Amino acid sequence: MEIFTGIFMVLALMGTVIAKVMTTKMKVRLRNNVVKSEAELRNVRGQLKSLEAENAIIQRKERTLSKQKERLETRIVNHTKEWKKIKK
C-alpha cells in the first residue's frame, strides 16, 4: 500500500512540475506578445503624431491659400471696375 502511495505522490509531484513548466511557458509567450504589442503601439503613436503635424501644416496652407484667393478675387473685381471706367 505504501508503494502505491509513494508512486501516487511522485506522479502528483511530476504533474505539479509539468503544470508549473507549462504555466511558465505560457507566461513567457504572453509577455513576449505584450512587448511586441507595446512596440507596435509606440510606432503607431509616432505615426499618428507625425500625421497630426502634417495635417496641421496642410490646414495652415489651406487657410493661407483661401485668404490669397479672396484677395485675388477682390482685386479682380476692383480691376474689372477700373477697366470699365477706363473703357468709357
N, C-alpha and C. Protein backbone atom coordinates (compact mmCIF):
# COMPACT_ATOMS: atom_id res chain seq x y z
N MET A 1 0.81 -1.18 0.00
CA MET A 1 0.00 0.00 0.00
C MET A 1 0.87 1.26 0.00
N GLU A 2 1.97 1.19 0.74
CA GLU A 2 2.84 2.34 0.79
C GLU A 2 3.50 2.59 -0.56
N ILE A 3 3.68 1.56 -1.33
CA ILE A 3 4.28 1.71 -2.66
C ILE A 3 3.33 2.52 -3.54
N PHE A 4 2.04 2.20 -3.48
CA PHE A 4 1.07 2.94 -4.29
C PHE A 4 1.00 4.40 -3.86
N THR A 5 1.08 4.61 -2.56
CA THR A 5 1.06 5.98 -2.06
C THR A 5 2.30 6.73 -2.53
N GLY A 6 3.43 6.08 -2.49
CA GLY A 6 4.69 6.70 -2.96
C GLY A 6 4.63 7.00 -4.45
N ILE A 7 4.14 6.03 -5.23
CA ILE A 7 4.01 6.24 -6.68
C ILE A 7 3.04 7.38 -6.95
N PHE A 8 1.93 7.38 -6.22
CA PHE A 8 0.94 8.46 -6.40
C PHE A 8 1.54 9.81 -6.08
N MET A 9 2.35 9.88 -5.01
CA MET A 9 2.97 11.15 -4.62
C MET A 9 3.96 11.61 -5.69
N VAL A 10 4.74 10.67 -6.23
CA VAL A 10 5.70 11.02 -7.29
C VAL A 10 4.96 11.52 -8.52
N LEU A 11 3.88 10.82 -8.89
CA LEU A 11 3.09 11.26 -10.06
C LEU A 11 2.46 12.62 -9.82
N ALA A 12 1.98 12.86 -8.62
CA ALA A 12 1.39 14.15 -8.29
C ALA A 12 2.45 15.25 -8.37
N LEU A 13 3.65 14.98 -7.87
CA LEU A 13 4.73 15.97 -7.94
C LEU A 13 5.12 16.23 -9.39
N MET A 14 5.17 15.19 -10.20
CA MET A 14 5.50 15.35 -11.62
C MET A 14 4.42 16.18 -12.32
N GLY A 15 3.17 15.92 -11.99
CA GLY A 15 2.08 16.70 -12.56
C GLY A 15 2.18 18.16 -12.18
N THR A 16 2.55 18.41 -10.93
CA THR A 16 2.71 19.79 -10.47
C THR A 16 3.85 20.48 -11.21
N VAL A 17 4.96 19.76 -11.38
CA VAL A 17 6.11 20.34 -12.09
C VAL A 17 5.74 20.61 -13.55
N ILE A 18 5.05 19.67 -14.18
CA ILE A 18 4.64 19.85 -15.58
C ILE A 18 3.69 21.05 -15.70
N ALA A 19 2.75 21.15 -14.79
CA ALA A 19 1.82 22.29 -14.82
C ALA A 19 2.57 23.60 -14.63
N LYS A 20 3.55 23.61 -13.73
CA LYS A 20 4.35 24.81 -13.49
C LYS A 20 5.14 25.20 -14.75
N VAL A 21 5.75 24.21 -15.41
CA VAL A 21 6.52 24.47 -16.63
C VAL A 21 5.60 25.03 -17.72
N MET A 22 4.44 24.41 -17.90
CA MET A 22 3.51 24.87 -18.93
C MET A 22 3.03 26.29 -18.64
N THR A 23 2.74 26.57 -17.38
CA THR A 23 2.29 27.90 -16.99
C THR A 23 3.39 28.93 -17.24
N THR A 24 4.62 28.57 -16.93
CA THR A 24 5.74 29.49 -17.16
C THR A 24 5.93 29.76 -18.64
N LYS A 25 5.84 28.72 -19.46
CA LYS A 25 5.96 28.91 -20.91
C LYS A 25 4.86 29.83 -21.43
N MET A 26 3.65 29.64 -20.93
CA MET A 26 2.54 30.47 -21.36
C MET A 26 2.76 31.93 -20.94
N LYS A 27 3.26 32.13 -19.71
CA LYS A 27 3.52 33.49 -19.23
C LYS A 27 4.59 34.16 -20.09
N VAL A 28 5.64 33.42 -20.45
CA VAL A 28 6.71 33.98 -21.29
C VAL A 28 6.16 34.36 -22.66
N ARG A 29 5.35 33.49 -23.24
CA ARG A 29 4.76 33.76 -24.55
C ARG A 29 3.86 35.00 -24.50
N LEU A 30 3.05 35.08 -23.45
CA LEU A 30 2.17 36.24 -23.30
C LEU A 30 2.97 37.52 -23.08
N ARG A 31 4.04 37.43 -22.29
CA ARG A 31 4.88 38.60 -22.04
C ARG A 31 5.52 39.08 -23.34
N ASN A 32 5.97 38.13 -24.18
CA ASN A 32 6.55 38.50 -25.48
C ASN A 32 5.50 39.18 -26.36
N ASN A 33 4.27 38.67 -26.31
CA ASN A 33 3.20 39.30 -27.09
C ASN A 33 2.93 40.72 -26.61
N VAL A 34 2.98 40.92 -25.30
CA VAL A 34 2.76 42.25 -24.74
C VAL A 34 3.88 43.20 -25.18
N VAL A 35 5.12 42.71 -25.17
CA VAL A 35 6.25 43.54 -25.59
C VAL A 35 6.10 43.94 -27.06
N LYS A 36 5.73 42.98 -27.90
CA LYS A 36 5.53 43.28 -29.33
C LYS A 36 4.39 44.27 -29.51
N SER A 37 3.32 44.09 -28.77
CA SER A 37 2.17 44.99 -28.88
C SER A 37 2.54 46.40 -28.42
N GLU A 38 3.31 46.50 -27.36
CA GLU A 38 3.74 47.82 -26.88
C GLU A 38 4.63 48.51 -27.90
N ALA A 39 5.52 47.76 -28.54
CA ALA A 39 6.39 48.34 -29.56
C ALA A 39 5.56 48.83 -30.75
N GLU A 40 4.60 48.01 -31.15
CA GLU A 40 3.73 48.40 -32.26
C GLU A 40 2.90 49.64 -31.89
N LEU A 41 2.44 49.69 -30.66
CA LEU A 41 1.67 50.84 -30.19
C LEU A 41 2.53 52.11 -30.23
N ARG A 42 3.79 52.01 -29.80
CA ARG A 42 4.68 53.18 -29.86
C ARG A 42 4.87 53.64 -31.30
N ASN A 43 5.05 52.69 -32.22
CA ASN A 43 5.21 53.05 -33.63
C ASN A 43 3.97 53.73 -34.17
N VAL A 44 2.82 53.19 -33.86
CA VAL A 44 1.56 53.76 -34.35
C VAL A 44 1.34 55.15 -33.76
N ARG A 45 1.67 55.32 -32.49
CA ARG A 45 1.53 56.65 -31.87
C ARG A 45 2.47 57.65 -32.53
N GLY A 46 3.68 57.21 -32.86
CA GLY A 46 4.62 58.09 -33.56
C GLY A 46 4.08 58.48 -34.94
N GLN A 47 3.51 57.52 -35.65
CA GLN A 47 2.92 57.82 -36.95
C GLN A 47 1.76 58.78 -36.80
N LEU A 48 0.95 58.57 -35.77
CA LEU A 48 -0.19 59.46 -35.54
C LEU A 48 0.29 60.88 -35.28
N LYS A 49 1.33 61.01 -34.46
CA LYS A 49 1.87 62.34 -34.16
C LYS A 49 2.34 63.04 -35.42
N SER A 50 3.07 62.31 -36.27
CA SER A 50 3.57 62.93 -37.49
C SER A 50 2.43 63.27 -38.43
N LEU A 51 1.41 62.43 -38.50
CA LEU A 51 0.26 62.73 -39.35
C LEU A 51 -0.52 63.93 -38.84
N GLU A 52 -0.63 64.06 -37.52
CA GLU A 52 -1.31 65.22 -36.95
C GLU A 52 -0.54 66.50 -37.26
N ALA A 53 0.78 66.43 -37.18
CA ALA A 53 1.60 67.61 -37.50
C ALA A 53 1.45 67.95 -38.98
N GLU A 54 1.46 66.93 -39.82
CA GLU A 54 1.29 67.14 -41.26
C GLU A 54 -0.09 67.73 -41.55
N ASN A 55 -1.09 67.24 -40.86
CA ASN A 55 -2.45 67.76 -41.04
C ASN A 55 -2.53 69.23 -40.64
N ALA A 56 -1.86 69.60 -39.55
CA ALA A 56 -1.86 71.00 -39.11
C ALA A 56 -1.20 71.89 -40.16
N ILE A 57 -0.11 71.42 -40.75
CA ILE A 57 0.57 72.18 -41.81
C ILE A 57 -0.35 72.35 -43.01
N ILE A 58 -1.02 71.28 -43.38
CA ILE A 58 -1.93 71.34 -44.53
C ILE A 58 -3.07 72.31 -44.26
N GLN A 59 -3.60 72.30 -43.06
CA GLN A 59 -4.69 73.22 -42.72
C GLN A 59 -4.22 74.68 -42.77
N ARG A 60 -2.99 74.94 -42.27
CA ARG A 60 -2.46 76.31 -42.35
C ARG A 60 -2.29 76.74 -43.80
N LYS A 61 -1.77 75.84 -44.62
CA LYS A 61 -1.59 76.17 -46.04
C LYS A 61 -2.94 76.41 -46.71
N GLU A 62 -3.92 75.61 -46.34
CA GLU A 62 -5.26 75.77 -46.90
C GLU A 62 -5.84 77.14 -46.53
N ARG A 63 -5.68 77.54 -45.28
CA ARG A 63 -6.17 78.85 -44.86
C ARG A 63 -5.45 79.97 -45.61
N THR A 64 -4.13 79.82 -45.75
CA THR A 64 -3.35 80.83 -46.47
C THR A 64 -3.82 80.93 -47.91
N LEU A 65 -4.00 79.79 -48.56
CA LEU A 65 -4.46 79.81 -49.96
C LEU A 65 -5.86 80.39 -50.08
N SER A 66 -6.70 80.10 -49.11
CA SER A 66 -8.06 80.64 -49.13
C SER A 66 -8.03 82.17 -49.02
N LYS A 67 -7.19 82.69 -48.12
CA LYS A 67 -7.06 84.14 -47.97
C LYS A 67 -6.50 84.76 -49.24
N GLN A 68 -5.52 84.10 -49.84
CA GLN A 68 -4.95 84.62 -51.09
C GLN A 68 -6.00 84.63 -52.19
N LYS A 69 -6.81 83.60 -52.23
CA LYS A 69 -7.87 83.53 -53.25
C LYS A 69 -8.86 84.68 -53.06
N GLU A 70 -9.25 84.93 -51.81
CA GLU A 70 -10.18 86.03 -51.53
C GLU A 70 -9.59 87.37 -51.97
N ARG A 71 -8.31 87.58 -51.64
CA ARG A 71 -7.66 88.84 -52.03
C ARG A 71 -7.60 88.98 -53.55
N LEU A 72 -7.29 87.89 -54.23
CA LEU A 72 -7.22 87.95 -55.69
C LEU A 72 -8.59 88.19 -56.30
N GLU A 73 -9.61 87.57 -55.74
CA GLU A 73 -10.97 87.81 -56.25
C GLU A 73 -11.37 89.26 -56.05
N THR A 74 -11.00 89.82 -54.90
CA THR A 74 -11.29 91.24 -54.65
C THR A 74 -10.54 92.11 -55.66
N ARG A 75 -9.29 91.78 -55.92
CA ARG A 75 -8.50 92.55 -56.89
C ARG A 75 -9.11 92.44 -58.29
N ILE A 76 -9.60 91.25 -58.64
CA ILE A 76 -10.23 91.07 -59.95
C ILE A 76 -11.45 91.98 -60.07
N VAL A 77 -12.26 92.01 -59.02
CA VAL A 77 -13.45 92.85 -59.04
C VAL A 77 -13.04 94.32 -59.18
N ASN A 78 -12.05 94.74 -58.41
CA ASN A 78 -11.59 96.12 -58.46
C ASN A 78 -11.02 96.46 -59.83
N HIS A 79 -10.22 95.58 -60.38
CA HIS A 79 -9.64 95.83 -61.70
C HIS A 79 -10.70 95.83 -62.79
N THR A 80 -11.70 94.98 -62.62
CA THR A 80 -12.80 94.95 -63.60
C THR A 80 -13.55 96.28 -63.57
N LYS A 81 -13.81 96.80 -62.38
CA LYS A 81 -14.49 98.10 -62.25
C LYS A 81 -13.63 99.20 -62.87
N GLU A 82 -12.33 99.16 -62.54
CA GLU A 82 -11.43 100.16 -63.09
C GLU A 82 -11.36 100.07 -64.61
N TRP A 83 -11.34 98.89 -65.14
CA TRP A 83 -11.30 98.67 -66.58
C TRP A 83 -12.55 99.25 -67.24
N LYS A 84 -13.69 99.04 -66.61
CA LYS A 84 -14.95 99.58 -67.16
C LYS A 84 -14.92 101.10 -67.17
N LYS A 85 -14.36 101.72 -66.11
CA LYS A 85 -14.27 103.17 -66.05
C LYS A 85 -13.34 103.68 -67.15
N ILE A 86 -12.23 103.03 -67.32
CA ILE A 86 -11.28 103.45 -68.35
C ILE A 86 -11.86 103.26 -69.74
N LYS A 87 -12.60 102.20 -69.92
CA LYS A 87 -13.18 101.87 -71.22
C LYS A 87 -14.20 102.91 -71.66
N LYS A 88 -14.89 103.52 -70.72
CA LYS A 88 -15.94 104.52 -71.05
C LYS A 88 -15.30 105.72 -71.57
